[in-house]
Amino acid sequence: MKIITKNSDYAVRALCKLANERDFISSRDLANKTAIPLPYLRRILSILAKENIVQTKEGIEGGIKLSKNSSQITLAEIIKLFQGGIQISECLFRKKLCPNRKNCVLRKKLMKLENILSKEFKKITISSLTQQRS
């Protein structure tokens, strides 16, 4: 069970590093500072740029920087963007949705936990993560 996927993790790591940068930083420098493979990082940054979380600028003084304040970017937002939301269990049986899903008592408990996690992740911002590191 993965609550946070590699894409979400890498996006958060990149955003935390960008939160500490005042100017544009090249994707190569960002990859080196975060230990994220450059091709992988570029795919993540492309998604973040489409959602206006980061802005990009071409040229010698170009690169990437946050386009939103780091206190406005929540962990819930990033998770939703990269994995569609918090899901503890897929409720699959032989690669198909479980036929007992509607009446499953375990699923009802898991859904309550998912809601709690979602609410908590909405409270966590990139800013709060960077402040904890210092």
Protein backbone atom coordinates (compact mmCIF):
# COMPACT_ATOMS: atom_id res chain seq x y z
CA MET A 1 0.00 0.00 0.00
CA LYS A 2 1.40 3.34 -1.04
CA ILE A 3 -0.32 6.45 0.19
CA ILE A 4 2.16 8.72 -1.58
CA THR A 5 3.56 7.65 -4.94
CA LYS A 6 7.01 8.39 -6.32
CA ASN A 7 5.59 11.13 -8.58
CA SER A 8 4.00 12.91 -5.62
CA ASP A 9 7.13 12.47 -3.51
CA TYR A 10 9.39 13.87 -6.23
CA ALA A 11 7.02 16.77 -6.86
CA VAL A 12 7.02 17.69 -3.17
CA ARG A 13 10.82 17.42 -2.99
CA ALA A 14 11.20 19.68 -6.03
CA LEU A 15 8.67 22.20 -4.71
CA CYS A 16 10.39 22.34 -1.32
CA LYS A 17 13.69 23.11 -3.00
CA LEU A 18 12.05 25.72 -5.26
CA ALA A 19 10.48 27.35 -2.20
CA ASN A 20 13.99 28.19 -1.01
CA GLU A 21 15.02 29.75 -4.32
CA ARG A 22 14.36 33.40 -5.12
CA ASP A 23 15.21 33.31 -8.80
CA PHE A 24 14.76 30.87 -11.63
CA ILE A 25 16.81 27.69 -11.29
CA SER A 26 17.66 25.35 -14.13
CA SER A 27 16.01 21.95 -14.14
CA ARG A 28 19.49 20.40 -14.19
CA ASP A 29 20.51 22.25 -11.00
CA LEU A 30 17.20 21.33 -9.40
CA ALA A 31 17.72 17.68 -10.34
CA ASN A 32 21.19 17.75 -8.78
CA LYS A 33 19.98 19.42 -5.59
CA THR A 34 17.07 17.01 -5.14
CA ALA A 35 18.68 13.79 -6.44
CA ILE A 36 15.79 13.32 -8.86
CA PRO A 37 16.72 11.96 -12.31
CA LEU A 38 16.54 14.86 -14.79
CA PRO A 39 14.17 13.24 -17.33
CA TYR A 40 11.80 12.25 -14.52
CA LEU A 41 11.99 15.71 -12.98
CA ARG A 42 11.21 17.37 -16.31
CA ARG A 43 8.00 15.33 -16.65
CA ILE A 44 6.94 16.35 -13.14
CA LEU A 45 7.77 20.01 -13.76
CA SER A 46 5.76 19.93 -16.97
CA ILE A 47 2.67 18.83 -15.04
CA LEU A 48 3.29 21.43 -12.32
CA ALA A 49 3.67 24.13 -14.99
CA LYS A 50 0.39 23.16 -16.66
CA GLU A 51 -1.33 23.62 -13.29
CA ASN A 52 0.39 27.02 -12.77
CA ILE A 53 2.16 25.83 -9.65
CA VAL A 54 5.54 26.59 -11.21
CA GLN A 55 6.50 28.89 -14.02
CA THR A 56 9.16 28.27 -16.60
CA LYS A 57 11.32 30.66 -18.55
CA GLU A 58 13.56 29.78 -21.46
CA GLY A 59 16.94 31.27 -22.10
CA ILE A 60 20.21 31.82 -20.31
CA GLU A 61 18.58 33.31 -17.23
CA GLY A 62 15.63 30.96 -17.43
CA GLY A 63 14.60 27.90 -15.55
CA ILE A 64 11.84 27.14 -13.07
CA LYS A 65 10.43 28.89 -10.04
CA LEU A 66 7.27 28.77 -8.01
CA SER A 67 4.37 30.75 -9.43
CA LYS A 68 2.35 30.37 -6.23
CA ASN A 69 3.34 31.17 -2.69
CA SER A 70 4.63 28.01 -0.99
CA SER A 71 2.09 28.53 1.80
CA GLN A 72 -0.71 28.13 -0.78
CA ILE A 73 0.47 24.78 -2.15
CA THR A 74 -0.88 21.88 -0.12
CA LEU A 75 0.23 18.29 -0.01
CA ALA A 76 -3.38 17.31 -0.81
CA GLU A 77 -3.24 19.38 -4.01
CA ILE A 78 -0.03 17.67 -5.15
CA ILE A 79 -1.31 14.19 -4.31
CA LYS A 80 -4.55 14.83 -6.18
CA LEU A 81 -2.62 16.14 -9.18
CA PHE A 82 -0.26 13.17 -9.42
CA GLN A 83 -2.35 10.28 -8.18
CA GLY A 84 -5.97 11.34 -8.10
CA GLY A 85 -6.35 11.42 -4.34
CA ILE A 86 -5.76 9.37 -1.25
CA GLN A 87 -6.63 5.73 -1.62
CA ILE A 88 -5.67 3.14 0.98
CA SER A 89 -7.16 0.18 -0.84
CA GLU A 90 -8.14 -0.34 -4.45
CA CYS A 91 -10.72 -2.97 -3.47
CA LEU A 92 -9.74 -5.20 -6.34
CA PHE A 93 -10.41 -8.89 -6.66
CA ARG A 94 -8.54 -10.58 -9.50
CA LYS A 95 -7.92 -7.19 -11.14
CA LYS A 96 -11.62 -6.29 -11.14
CA LEU A 97 -13.58 -4.18 -8.68
CA CYS A 98 -14.64 -6.35 -5.79
CA PRO A 99 -18.32 -7.29 -6.07
CA ASN A 100 -18.67 -6.83 -2.29
CA ARG A 101 -17.39 -3.26 -2.38
CA LYS A 102 -20.74 -1.59 -1.58
CA ASN A 103 -21.39 -3.69 1.52
CA CYS A 104 -17.84 -4.20 2.73
CA VAL A 105 -17.39 -3.16 6.36
CA LEU A 106 -13.63 -2.88 5.91
CA ARG A 107 -14.07 -0.54 2.94
CA LYS A 108 -16.30 1.73 5.04
CA LYS A 109 -13.57 1.99 7.68
CA LEU A 110 -10.91 2.60 5.03
CA MET A 111 -12.99 5.40 3.51
CA LYS A 112 -13.15 7.10 6.93
CA LEU A 113 -9.37 6.86 7.18
CA GLU A 114 -8.97 8.25 3.66
CA ASN A 115 -11.13 11.24 4.61
CA ILE A 116 -9.05 11.86 7.75
CA LEU A 117 -5.82 11.66 5.74
CA SER A 118 -7.19 14.02 3.09
CA LYS A 119 -8.12 16.60 5.73
CA GLU A 120 -4.68 16.34 7.33
CA PHE A 121 -2.88 16.60 3.98
CA LYS A 122 -4.83 19.79 3.23
CA LYS A 123 -3.22 21.32 6.35
CA ILE A 124 0.33 20.54 5.17
CA THR A 125 1.82 23.17 2.88
CA ILE A 126 5.12 23.29 1.06
CA SER A 127 5.98 26.23 3.30
CA SER A 128 5.36 24.21 6.45
CA LEU A 129 7.54 21.40 5.13
CA THR A 130 10.44 23.73 4.36
CA GLN A 131 10.17 25.35 7.80
CA GLN A 132 10.42 21.95 9.49
CA ARG A 133 13.66 21.19 7.69
CA SER A 134 15.45 24.28 9.00
